[in-house]
Amino acid sequence: MTDISKTKKHTTMRILILFFLCTQAVFSQKYFTRTGTTEFKASVDAFEPVAAINNSSTAILDTQNGKIASLLLIKAFRFRVALMQEHFNENYMDSDEYPKATFKGTIRSFNLNEINENITYKISGTLTVKGIDKLIETTGNVSRKGEKIVLTSSFSVSPKDFNIKIPGIVRDKIAQRINIGIHYELSEKK
């Protein structure tokens, strides 16, 4: 093989590799938010509501494979009663030691082209709270709102799954299952 033939072959290979890498980057769209809403309710009827909302949850969705990851700061939860917020951070969540919670998972069979209407998907992944991992299986609704992808979901967890100790004096005032809801409006990452 001559030097000219080798050069043409290497140039052709480089162009093919470059083309492949460029098309992968084009088709791998990611959507994200830094203002997602995560809320929880741990109320028992007949007692003061135990509920909080976090409007600064961060999430990213890879539309090519349905992989999703989210992160929130524990101290960003806001309660109606300031004393509840203080107890939540200091006595239950140890938020100085464990400042964030994360979720890493997959929206199964996700298809960006399907979501011109509200579609329900199965979601599975790992929720990490206080350094403890818990497998979560739930469903989520995905729709479009203009250029955004909207994801809503809910699931419940038990405080003991994450080694959250509830003192006996308030045990009857806090639900055994904590209901968590999310609402994320994700924009295309450019």
N, C-alpha and C. Protein backbone atom coordinates (compact mmCIF):
# COMPACT_ATOMS: atom_id res chain seq x y z
N MET A 1 0.85 -1.17 0.00
CA MET A 1 0.00 0.00 0.00
C MET A 1 0.90 1.24 0.00
N THR A 2 0.54 2.20 -0.82
CA THR A 2 1.36 3.41 -0.92
C THR A 2 1.03 4.38 0.21
N ASP A 3 1.93 5.35 0.41
CA ASP A 3 1.71 6.35 1.45
C ASP A 3 0.45 7.17 1.19
N ILE A 4 0.16 7.46 -0.09
CA ILE A 4 -1.04 8.23 -0.44
C ILE A 4 -2.29 7.42 -0.08
N SER A 5 -2.30 6.13 -0.37
CA SER A 5 -3.45 5.27 -0.04
C SER A 5 -3.65 5.20 1.48
N LYS A 6 -2.55 5.08 2.22
CA LYS A 6 -2.65 5.04 3.68
C LYS A 6 -3.21 6.35 4.23
N THR A 7 -2.75 7.47 3.67
CA THR A 7 -3.22 8.77 4.12
C THR A 7 -4.71 8.93 3.84
N LYS A 8 -5.17 8.52 2.63
CA LYS A 8 -6.59 8.60 2.29
C LYS A 8 -7.41 7.71 3.22
N LYS A 9 -6.91 6.52 3.52
CA LYS A 9 -7.64 5.58 4.39
C LYS A 9 -7.76 6.16 5.80
N HIS A 10 -6.65 6.73 6.33
CA HIS A 10 -6.69 7.33 7.67
C HIS A 10 -7.61 8.56 7.71
N THR A 11 -7.57 9.36 6.64
CA THR A 11 -8.44 10.54 6.58
C THR A 11 -9.90 10.12 6.55
N THR A 12 -10.22 9.10 5.78
CA THR A 12 -11.59 8.60 5.70
C THR A 12 -12.03 8.07 7.06
N MET A 13 -11.17 7.34 7.75
CA MET A 13 -11.50 6.82 9.08
C MET A 13 -11.73 7.96 10.07
N ARG A 14 -10.89 8.97 10.01
CA ARG A 14 -11.05 10.12 10.91
C ARG A 14 -12.37 10.83 10.66
N ILE A 15 -12.72 11.00 9.41
CA ILE A 15 -13.99 11.66 9.07
C ILE A 15 -15.16 10.82 9.57
N LEU A 16 -15.11 9.51 9.40
CA LEU A 16 -16.19 8.63 9.88
C LEU A 16 -16.30 8.69 11.41
N ILE A 17 -15.19 8.66 12.09
CA ILE A 17 -15.21 8.73 13.56
C ILE A 17 -15.76 10.08 14.00
N LEU A 18 -15.30 11.15 13.39
CA LEU A 18 -15.79 12.49 13.72
C LEU A 18 -17.29 12.59 13.46
N PHE A 19 -17.76 12.06 12.33
CA PHE A 19 -19.19 12.07 12.01
C PHE A 19 -19.98 11.30 13.06
N PHE A 20 -19.48 10.12 13.45
CA PHE A 20 -20.16 9.30 14.46
C PHE A 20 -20.26 10.04 15.79
N LEU A 21 -19.17 10.65 16.22
CA LEU A 21 -19.17 11.39 17.49
C LEU A 21 -20.12 12.59 17.44
N CYS A 22 -20.15 13.29 16.32
CA CYS A 22 -21.04 14.44 16.19
C CYS A 22 -22.50 14.02 16.21
N THR A 23 -22.84 12.93 15.52
CA THR A 23 -24.24 12.49 15.51
C THR A 23 -24.65 12.00 16.89
N GLN A 24 -23.74 11.38 17.64
CA GLN A 24 -24.06 10.95 19.00
C GLN A 24 -24.38 12.17 19.86
N ALA A 25 -23.60 13.23 19.73
CA ALA A 25 -23.83 14.44 20.52
C ALA A 25 -25.15 15.09 20.16
N VAL A 26 -25.53 15.07 18.87
CA VAL A 26 -26.78 15.67 18.43
C VAL A 26 -27.97 14.90 18.96
N PHE A 27 -27.91 13.57 18.93
CA PHE A 27 -29.06 12.75 19.31
C PHE A 27 -29.16 12.55 20.82
N SER A 28 -28.14 12.86 21.56
CA SER A 28 -28.19 12.69 23.01
C SER A 28 -28.60 14.01 23.64
N GLN A 29 -29.91 14.26 23.67
CA GLN A 29 -30.43 15.49 24.24
C GLN A 29 -30.59 15.34 25.74
N LYS A 30 -30.23 16.36 26.45
CA LYS A 30 -30.41 16.36 27.90
C LYS A 30 -31.29 17.55 28.27
N TYR A 31 -32.19 17.29 29.19
CA TYR A 31 -33.07 18.32 29.72
C TYR A 31 -32.79 18.45 31.21
N PHE A 32 -32.90 19.67 31.75
CA PHE A 32 -32.57 19.85 33.16
C PHE A 32 -33.41 20.95 33.79
N THR A 33 -33.39 20.98 35.12
CA THR A 33 -33.99 22.06 35.88
C THR A 33 -33.18 22.26 37.16
N ARG A 34 -33.21 23.47 37.65
CA ARG A 34 -32.66 23.80 38.98
C ARG A 34 -33.77 24.30 39.90
N THR A 35 -34.99 24.29 39.37
CA THR A 35 -36.11 24.83 40.13
C THR A 35 -37.25 23.81 40.24
N GLY A 36 -36.89 22.54 40.28
CA GLY A 36 -37.91 21.51 40.44
C GLY A 36 -38.52 21.56 41.84
N THR A 37 -39.75 21.10 41.94
CA THR A 37 -40.45 21.10 43.22
C THR A 37 -40.50 19.68 43.77
N THR A 38 -40.06 19.52 45.01
CA THR A 38 -40.18 18.27 45.74
C THR A 38 -40.90 18.60 47.04
N GLU A 39 -41.93 17.84 47.34
CA GLU A 39 -42.64 18.09 48.58
C GLU A 39 -42.88 16.78 49.30
N PHE A 40 -43.06 16.87 50.61
CA PHE A 40 -43.41 15.67 51.36
C PHE A 40 -44.48 15.98 52.37
N LYS A 41 -45.25 14.94 52.68
CA LYS A 41 -46.31 15.04 53.68
C LYS A 41 -46.18 13.85 54.60
N ALA A 42 -46.11 14.14 55.88
CA ALA A 42 -45.96 13.09 56.89
C ALA A 42 -47.00 13.28 57.99
N SER A 43 -48.15 13.77 57.58
CA SER A 43 -49.19 14.12 58.55
C SER A 43 -50.05 12.93 58.95
N VAL A 44 -50.55 13.02 60.16
CA VAL A 44 -51.54 12.09 60.68
C VAL A 44 -52.78 12.93 60.97
N ASP A 45 -53.95 12.41 60.59
CA ASP A 45 -55.19 13.15 60.84
C ASP A 45 -55.29 13.53 62.31
N ALA A 46 -55.93 14.66 62.58
CA ALA A 46 -56.19 15.19 63.91
C ALA A 46 -54.98 15.87 64.55
N PHE A 47 -53.85 15.93 63.85
CA PHE A 47 -52.69 16.64 64.38
C PHE A 47 -52.27 17.72 63.39
N GLU A 48 -51.41 18.60 63.84
CA GLU A 48 -50.91 19.68 62.98
C GLU A 48 -50.21 19.08 61.75
N PRO A 49 -50.47 19.63 60.57
CA PRO A 49 -49.86 19.08 59.36
C PRO A 49 -48.33 19.11 59.41
N VAL A 50 -47.74 17.99 59.05
CA VAL A 50 -46.29 17.89 58.93
C VAL A 50 -46.02 17.79 57.43
N ALA A 51 -45.60 18.90 56.83
CA ALA A 51 -45.39 18.95 55.39
C ALA A 51 -44.36 20.03 55.08
N ALA A 52 -43.65 19.82 53.96
CA ALA A 52 -42.64 20.81 53.55
C ALA A 52 -42.49 20.76 52.04
N ILE A 53 -41.94 21.84 51.51
CA ILE A 53 -41.74 21.94 50.06
C ILE A 53 -40.33 22.48 49.78
N ASN A 54 -39.73 21.96 48.72
CA ASN A 54 -38.40 22.38 48.28
C ASN A 54 -38.54 22.79 46.82
N ASN A 55 -38.33 24.06 46.51
CA ASN A 55 -38.49 24.57 45.14
C ASN A 55 -37.16 24.74 44.42
N SER A 56 -36.11 24.08 44.90
CA SER A 56 -34.81 24.22 44.25
C SER A 56 -34.17 22.86 43.99
N SER A 57 -35.00 21.88 43.64
CA SER A 57 -34.48 20.55 43.29
C SER A 57 -33.86 20.62 41.90
N THR A 58 -32.70 20.01 41.76
CA THR A 58 -32.01 19.95 40.47
C THR A 58 -32.22 18.57 39.87
N ALA A 59 -32.51 18.52 38.58
CA ALA A 59 -32.70 17.23 37.91
C ALA A 59 -32.20 17.33 36.48
N ILE A 60 -31.72 16.19 35.96
CA ILE A 60 -31.30 16.10 34.57
C ILE A 60 -31.82 14.80 33.98
N LEU A 61 -32.32 14.89 32.76
CA LEU A 61 -32.88 13.74 32.03
C LEU A 61 -32.17 13.59 30.71
N ASP A 62 -31.65 12.40 30.45
CA ASP A 62 -31.06 12.08 29.15
C ASP A 62 -32.17 11.44 28.32
N THR A 63 -32.64 12.16 27.30
CA THR A 63 -33.78 11.68 26.52
C THR A 63 -33.45 10.51 25.62
N GLN A 64 -32.17 10.23 25.43
CA GLN A 64 -31.79 9.11 24.58
C GLN A 64 -32.01 7.78 25.29
N ASN A 65 -31.75 7.73 26.60
CA ASN A 65 -31.85 6.45 27.31
C ASN A 65 -32.77 6.49 28.53
N GLY A 66 -33.40 7.64 28.80
CA GLY A 66 -34.32 7.74 29.92
C GLY A 66 -33.66 7.82 31.29
N LYS A 67 -32.35 7.95 31.34
CA LYS A 67 -31.65 8.08 32.62
C LYS A 67 -32.00 9.43 33.25
N ILE A 68 -32.28 9.38 34.54
CA ILE A 68 -32.61 10.61 35.25
C ILE A 68 -31.87 10.64 36.57
N ALA A 69 -31.45 11.83 36.94
CA ALA A 69 -30.78 12.03 38.23
C ALA A 69 -31.28 13.33 38.83
N SER A 70 -31.47 13.32 40.14
CA SER A 70 -31.89 14.55 40.80
C SER A 70 -31.16 14.69 42.13
N LEU A 71 -31.06 15.93 42.57
CA LEU A 71 -30.37 16.25 43.81
C LEU A 71 -31.12 17.41 44.48
N LEU A 72 -31.25 17.30 45.79
CA LEU A 72 -31.84 18.43 46.51
C LEU A 72 -31.12 18.60 47.83
N LEU A 73 -31.08 19.84 48.27
CA LEU A 73 -30.49 20.16 49.56
C LEU A 73 -31.57 20.04 50.62
N ILE A 74 -31.28 19.30 51.66
CA ILE A 74 -32.25 19.04 52.73
C ILE A 74 -32.69 20.34 53.39
N LYS A 75 -31.76 21.25 53.62
CA LYS A 75 -32.10 22.51 54.30
C LYS A 75 -32.98 23.43 53.45
N ALA A 76 -33.18 23.10 52.18
CA ALA A 76 -34.03 23.93 51.32
C ALA A 76 -35.51 23.61 51.48
N PHE A 77 -35.86 22.58 52.26
CA PHE A 77 -37.27 22.31 52.54
C PHE A 77 -37.81 23.42 53.43
N ARG A 78 -38.97 23.92 53.09
CA ARG A 78 -39.61 25.00 53.86
C ARG A 78 -40.91 24.48 54.48
N PHE A 79 -41.04 24.71 55.77
CA PHE A 79 -42.20 24.31 56.54
C PHE A 79 -43.05 25.53 56.85
N ARG A 80 -44.29 25.29 57.15
CA ARG A 80 -45.20 26.37 57.56
C ARG A 80 -44.80 26.90 58.94
N VAL A 81 -44.28 26.01 59.79
CA VAL A 81 -43.89 26.37 61.16
C VAL A 81 -42.36 26.27 61.25
N ALA A 82 -41.72 27.38 61.62
CA ALA A 82 -40.25 27.44 61.67
C ALA A 82 -39.66 26.41 62.63
N LEU A 83 -40.31 26.15 63.74
CA LEU A 83 -39.80 25.19 64.70
C LEU A 83 -39.75 23.77 64.11
N MET A 84 -40.75 23.45 63.28
CA MET A 84 -40.73 22.14 62.60
C MET A 84 -39.51 22.03 61.70
N GLN A 85 -39.22 23.10 61.00
CA GLN A 85 -38.06 23.11 60.09
C GLN A 85 -36.77 22.89 60.88
N GLU A 86 -36.66 23.55 62.00
CA GLU A 86 -35.47 23.39 62.85
C GLU A 86 -35.34 21.94 63.34
N HIS A 87 -36.43 21.37 63.84
CA HIS A 87 -36.40 19.99 64.33
C HIS A 87 -36.10 19.01 63.19
N PHE A 88 -36.70 19.25 62.04
CA PHE A 88 -36.48 18.41 60.87
C PHE A 88 -34.99 18.34 60.53
N ASN A 89 -34.34 19.49 60.45
CA ASN A 89 -32.93 19.54 60.07
C ASN A 89 -31.99 19.03 61.16
N GLU A 90 -32.26 19.38 62.40
CA GLU A 90 -31.33 19.03 63.48
C GLU A 90 -31.58 17.65 64.08
N ASN A 91 -32.83 17.31 64.31
CA ASN A 91 -33.13 16.08 65.05
C ASN A 91 -33.43 14.86 64.18
N TYR A 92 -33.96 15.07 62.99
CA TYR A 92 -34.37 13.94 62.17
C TYR A 92 -33.44 13.68 60.98
N MET A 93 -33.09 14.73 60.26
CA MET A 93 -32.33 14.56 59.02
C MET A 93 -30.83 14.75 59.17
N ASP A 94 -30.37 15.27 60.30
CA ASP A 94 -28.94 15.53 60.48
C ASP A 94 -28.36 16.22 59.24
N SER A 95 -29.02 17.30 58.83
CA SER A 95 -28.70 17.90 57.53
C SER A 95 -27.32 18.57 57.48
N ASP A 96 -26.69 18.81 58.62
CA ASP A 96 -25.30 19.30 58.56
C ASP A 96 -24.37 18.17 58.13
N GLU A 97 -24.64 16.97 58.61
CA GLU A 97 -23.83 15.80 58.23
C GLU A 97 -24.23 15.23 56.88
N TYR A 98 -25.53 15.25 56.58
CA TYR A 98 -26.07 14.72 55.32
C TYR A 98 -26.85 15.83 54.62
N PRO A 99 -26.16 16.73 53.94
CA PRO A 99 -26.83 17.93 53.42
C PRO A 99 -27.70 17.72 52.19
N LYS A 100 -27.60 16.57 51.52
CA LYS A 100 -28.37 16.40 50.29
C LYS A 100 -28.99 15.01 50.20
N ALA A 101 -30.01 14.93 49.35
CA ALA A 101 -30.63 13.66 48.99
C ALA A 101 -30.52 13.55 47.47
N THR A 102 -30.36 12.33 46.97
CA THR A 102 -30.23 12.14 45.52
C THR A 102 -31.12 11.00 45.05
N PHE A 103 -31.43 11.03 43.77
CA PHE A 103 -32.12 9.93 43.10
C PHE A 103 -31.41 9.72 41.78
N LYS A 104 -31.08 8.46 41.48
CA LYS A 104 -30.49 8.09 40.19
C LYS A 104 -31.26 6.91 39.67
N GLY A 105 -31.84 7.05 38.48
CA GLY A 105 -32.64 5.96 37.97
C GLY A 105 -32.92 6.08 36.49
N THR A 106 -33.99 5.39 36.09
CA THR A 106 -34.35 5.31 34.68
C THR A 106 -35.86 5.43 34.53
N ILE A 107 -36.28 6.22 33.55
CA ILE A 107 -37.67 6.22 33.12
C ILE A 107 -37.73 5.15 32.03
N ARG A 108 -38.33 4.02 32.36
CA ARG A 108 -38.27 2.86 31.47
C ARG A 108 -39.06 3.10 30.18
N SER A 109 -38.47 2.64 29.08
CA SER A 109 -39.07 2.74 27.74
C SER A 109 -39.36 4.19 27.34
N PHE A 110 -38.59 5.12 27.89
CA PHE A 110 -38.82 6.53 27.57
C PHE A 110 -38.61 6.78 26.09
N ASN A 111 -39.52 7.54 25.49
CA ASN A 111 -39.43 7.88 24.08
C ASN A 111 -39.85 9.34 23.93
N LEU A 112 -38.90 10.19 23.62
CA LEU A 112 -39.14 11.63 23.49
C LEU A 112 -40.24 11.92 22.46
N ASN A 113 -40.31 11.13 21.41
CA ASN A 113 -41.29 11.37 20.35
C ASN A 113 -42.73 11.05 20.78
N GLU A 114 -42.90 10.29 21.85
CA GLU A 114 -44.24 9.92 22.34
C GLU A 114 -44.90 11.02 23.14
N ILE A 115 -44.14 11.91 23.70
CA ILE A 115 -44.71 12.77 24.75
C ILE A 115 -45.35 14.05 24.25
N ASN A 116 -46.06 13.96 23.16
CA ASN A 116 -46.88 15.09 22.75
C ASN A 116 -48.14 15.16 23.60
N GLU A 117 -48.40 14.10 24.33
CA GLU A 117 -49.50 14.06 25.29
C GLU A 117 -48.96 13.52 26.60
N ASN A 118 -49.80 13.43 27.60
CA ASN A 118 -49.38 12.94 28.91
C ASN A 118 -49.21 11.43 28.86
N ILE A 119 -48.01 10.94 29.10
CA ILE A 119 -47.70 9.51 29.05
C ILE A 119 -47.25 9.06 30.44
N THR A 120 -47.72 7.90 30.88
CA THR A 120 -47.30 7.34 32.16
C THR A 120 -46.20 6.31 31.91
N TYR A 121 -45.09 6.46 32.62
CA TYR A 121 -43.95 5.55 32.50
C TYR A 121 -43.64 4.95 33.87
N LYS A 122 -43.00 3.80 33.87
CA LYS A 122 -42.47 3.23 35.10
C LYS A 122 -41.09 3.85 35.34
N ILE A 123 -40.83 4.17 36.59
CA ILE A 123 -39.55 4.76 36.98
C ILE A 123 -38.95 3.89 38.07
N SER A 124 -37.67 3.59 37.93
CA SER A 124 -36.99 2.83 38.98
C SER A 124 -35.61 3.42 39.17
N GLY A 125 -35.14 3.33 40.41
CA GLY A 125 -33.82 3.86 40.70
C GLY A 125 -33.53 3.82 42.18
N THR A 126 -32.46 4.49 42.55
CA THR A 126 -31.99 4.48 43.93
C THR A 126 -32.13 5.87 44.54
N LEU A 127 -32.87 5.93 45.65
CA LEU A 127 -33.00 7.14 46.42
C LEU A 127 -31.99 7.06 47.56
N THR A 128 -31.18 8.09 47.72
CA THR A 128 -30.18 8.12 48.79
C THR A 128 -30.50 9.27 49.74
N VAL A 129 -30.76 8.92 50.99
CA VAL A 129 -31.06 9.89 52.04
C VAL A 129 -30.24 9.49 53.26
N LYS A 130 -29.59 10.45 53.86
CA LYS A 130 -28.72 10.22 55.04
C LYS A 130 -27.68 9.13 54.76
N GLY A 131 -27.19 9.07 53.52
CA GLY A 131 -26.16 8.10 53.15
C GLY A 131 -26.67 6.69 52.97
N ILE A 132 -27.98 6.49 53.02
CA ILE A 132 -28.58 5.15 52.89
C ILE A 132 -29.33 5.07 51.56
N ASP A 133 -29.06 4.00 50.80
CA ASP A 133 -29.69 3.78 49.50
C ASP A 133 -30.95 2.92 49.65
N LYS A 134 -31.98 3.30 48.89
CA LYS A 134 -33.23 2.53 48.88
C LYS A 134 -33.73 2.47 47.44
N LEU A 135 -34.04 1.25 46.97
CA LEU A 135 -34.59 1.08 45.63
C LEU A 135 -36.02 1.59 45.61
N ILE A 136 -36.33 2.41 44.63
CA ILE A 136 -37.67 2.98 44.47
C ILE A 136 -38.23 2.51 43.13
N GLU A 137 -39.46 2.03 43.15
CA GLU A 137 -40.20 1.66 41.93
C GLU A 137 -41.50 2.45 41.98
N THR A 138 -41.78 3.24 40.95
CA THR A 138 -43.01 4.04 40.93
C THR A 138 -43.39 4.31 39.48
N THR A 139 -44.38 5.14 39.29
CA THR A 139 -44.74 5.60 37.95
C THR A 139 -44.62 7.11 37.93
N GLY A 140 -44.50 7.65 36.73
CA GLY A 140 -44.43 9.09 36.58
C GLY A 140 -45.14 9.50 35.31
N ASN A 141 -45.71 10.69 35.32
CA ASN A 141 -46.36 11.22 34.13
C ASN A 141 -45.43 12.21 33.47
N VAL A 142 -45.27 12.06 32.16
CA VAL A 142 -44.39 12.93 31.39
C VAL A 142 -45.21 13.57 30.29
N SER A 143 -45.07 14.89 30.14
CA SER A 143 -45.79 15.62 29.11
C SER A 143 -44.91 16.78 28.64
N ARG A 144 -45.42 17.49 27.64
CA ARG A 144 -44.72 18.68 27.15
C ARG A 144 -45.49 19.92 27.57
N LYS A 145 -44.74 20.97 27.85
CA LYS A 145 -45.31 22.29 28.12
C LYS A 145 -44.45 23.27 27.34
N GLY A 146 -44.88 23.57 26.13
CA GLY A 146 -44.06 24.38 25.23
C GLY A 146 -42.80 23.61 24.87
N GLU A 147 -41.65 24.19 25.15
CA GLU A 147 -40.37 23.55 24.87
C GLU A 147 -39.87 22.69 26.03
N LYS A 148 -40.62 22.66 27.12
CA LYS A 148 -40.19 21.94 28.31
C LYS A 148 -40.80 20.55 28.39
N ILE A 149 -40.11 19.67 29.10
CA ILE A 149 -40.64 18.36 29.46
C ILE A 149 -41.05 18.44 30.92
N VAL A 150 -42.27 18.04 31.21
CA VAL A 150 -42.79 18.10 32.58
C VAL A 150 -42.89 16.67 33.11
N LEU A 151 -42.28 16.44 34.27
CA LEU A 151 -42.31 15.14 34.94
C LEU A 151 -42.95 15.31 36.30
N THR A 152 -43.99 14.53 36.56
CA THR A 152 -44.60 14.50 37.89
C THR A 152 -44.64 13.05 38.35
N SER A 153 -44.44 12.86 39.64
CA SER A 153 -44.46 11.52 40.20
C SER A 153 -44.70 11.61 41.69
N SER A 154 -45.10 10.49 42.27
CA SER A 154 -45.23 10.41 43.72
C SER A 154 -44.92 8.99 44.17
N PHE A 155 -44.43 8.89 45.39
CA PHE A 155 -44.12 7.60 45.99
C PHE A 155 -44.06 7.80 47.49
N SER A 156 -43.94 6.72 48.23
CA SER A 156 -43.85 6.85 49.68
C SER A 156 -42.68 6.03 50.20
N VAL A 157 -42.15 6.49 51.32
CA VAL A 157 -41.03 5.80 51.98
C VAL A 157 -41.31 5.77 53.48
N SER A 158 -40.61 4.91 54.15
CA SER A 158 -40.72 4.82 55.61
C SER A 158 -39.49 5.51 56.23
N PRO A 159 -39.68 6.30 57.27
CA PRO A 159 -38.51 6.93 57.92
C PRO A 159 -37.46 5.90 58.36
N LYS A 160 -37.91 4.73 58.81
CA LYS A 160 -36.93 3.74 59.29
C LYS A 160 -36.06 3.19 58.16
N ASP A 161 -36.53 3.28 56.89
CA ASP A 161 -35.70 2.86 55.75
C ASP A 161 -34.41 3.66 55.67
N PHE A 162 -34.43 4.89 56.20
CA PHE A 162 -33.27 5.77 56.13
C PHE A 162 -32.71 6.10 57.52
N ASN A 163 -33.02 5.23 58.46
CA ASN A 163 -32.52 5.37 59.82
C ASN A 163 -32.90 6.72 60.44
N ILE A 164 -34.13 7.16 60.12
CA ILE A 164 -34.65 8.39 60.71
C ILE A 164 -35.44 7.98 61.95
N LYS A 165 -34.95 8.38 63.08
CA LYS A 165 -35.56 7.98 64.36
C LYS A 165 -36.60 9.02 64.78
N ILE A 166 -37.81 8.53 65.05
CA ILE A 166 -38.89 9.40 65.50
C ILE A 166 -39.06 9.19 67.01
N PRO A 167 -38.84 10.22 67.82
CA PRO A 167 -38.98 10.07 69.28
C PRO A 167 -40.40 9.65 69.66
N GLY A 168 -40.51 8.88 70.72
CA GLY A 168 -41.79 8.38 71.18
C GLY A 168 -42.81 9.47 71.45
N ILE A 169 -42.37 10.62 71.92
CA ILE A 169 -43.28 11.71 72.27
C ILE A 169 -44.06 12.25 71.06
N VAL A 170 -43.49 12.13 69.84
CA VAL A 170 -44.17 12.62 68.63
C VAL A 170 -44.50 11.50 67.64
N ARG A 171 -44.21 10.27 67.99
CA ARG A 171 -44.39 9.15 67.07
C ARG A 171 -45.83 9.06 66.54
N ASP A 172 -46.82 9.33 67.36
CA ASP A 172 -48.22 9.24 66.93
C ASP A 172 -48.63 10.41 66.05
N LYS A 173 -47.82 11.45 65.99
CA LYS A 173 -48.15 12.64 65.20
C LYS A 173 -47.53 12.62 63.81
N ILE A 174 -46.66 11.63 63.54
CA ILE A 174 -45.98 11.54 62.26
C ILE A 174 -46.35 10.22 61.60
N ALA A 175 -46.71 10.29 60.33
CA ALA A 175 -47.15 9.11 59.60
C ALA A 175 -46.02 8.08 59.49
N GLN A 176 -46.40 6.82 59.41
CA GLN A 176 -45.41 5.75 59.24
C GLN A 176 -44.88 5.70 57.81
N ARG A 177 -45.65 6.23 56.87
CA ARG A 177 -45.21 6.34 55.48
C ARG A 177 -45.21 7.81 55.10
N ILE A 178 -44.11 8.28 54.55
CA ILE A 178 -43.96 9.67 54.13
C ILE A 178 -44.27 9.73 52.63
N ASN A 179 -45.24 10.55 52.25
CA ASN A 179 -45.60 10.71 50.84
C ASN A 179 -44.76 11.82 50.22
N ILE A 180 -44.10 11.47 49.11
CA ILE A 180 -43.22 12.41 48.42
C ILE A 180 -43.77 12.65 47.02
N GLY A 181 -43.83 13.90 46.63
CA GLY A 181 -44.29 14.27 45.29
C GLY A 181 -43.27 15.15 44.61
N ILE A 182 -43.12 14.96 43.30
CA ILE A 182 -42.19 15.81 42.54
C ILE A 182 -42.92 16.43 41.35
N HIS A 183 -42.46 17.60 40.98
CA HIS A 183 -42.95 18.30 39.77
C HIS A 183 -41.74 19.02 39.19
N TYR A 184 -41.22 18.48 38.09
CA TYR A 184 -40.05 19.05 37.44
C TYR A 184 -40.42 19.51 36.04
N GLU A 185 -40.09 20.77 35.73
CA GLU A 185 -40.22 21.29 34.37
C GLU A 185 -38.81 21.45 33.82
N LEU A 186 -38.44 20.55 32.91
CA LEU A 186 -37.06 20.48 32.43
C LEU A 186 -36.92 21.17 31.07
N SER A 187 -35.87 21.96 30.93
CA SER A 187 -35.57 22.65 29.68
C SER A 187 -34.39 21.97 29.00
N GLU A 188 -34.33 22.08 27.68
CA GLU A 188 -33.23 21.46 26.95
C GLU A 188 -31.93 22.14 27.32
N LYS A 189 -30.93 21.30 27.65
CA LYS A 189 -29.60 21.81 27.99
C LYS A 189 -28.85 22.07 26.70
N LYS A 190 -28.38 23.28 26.56
CA LYS A 190 -27.69 23.65 25.31
C LYS A 190 -26.23 23.90 25.55
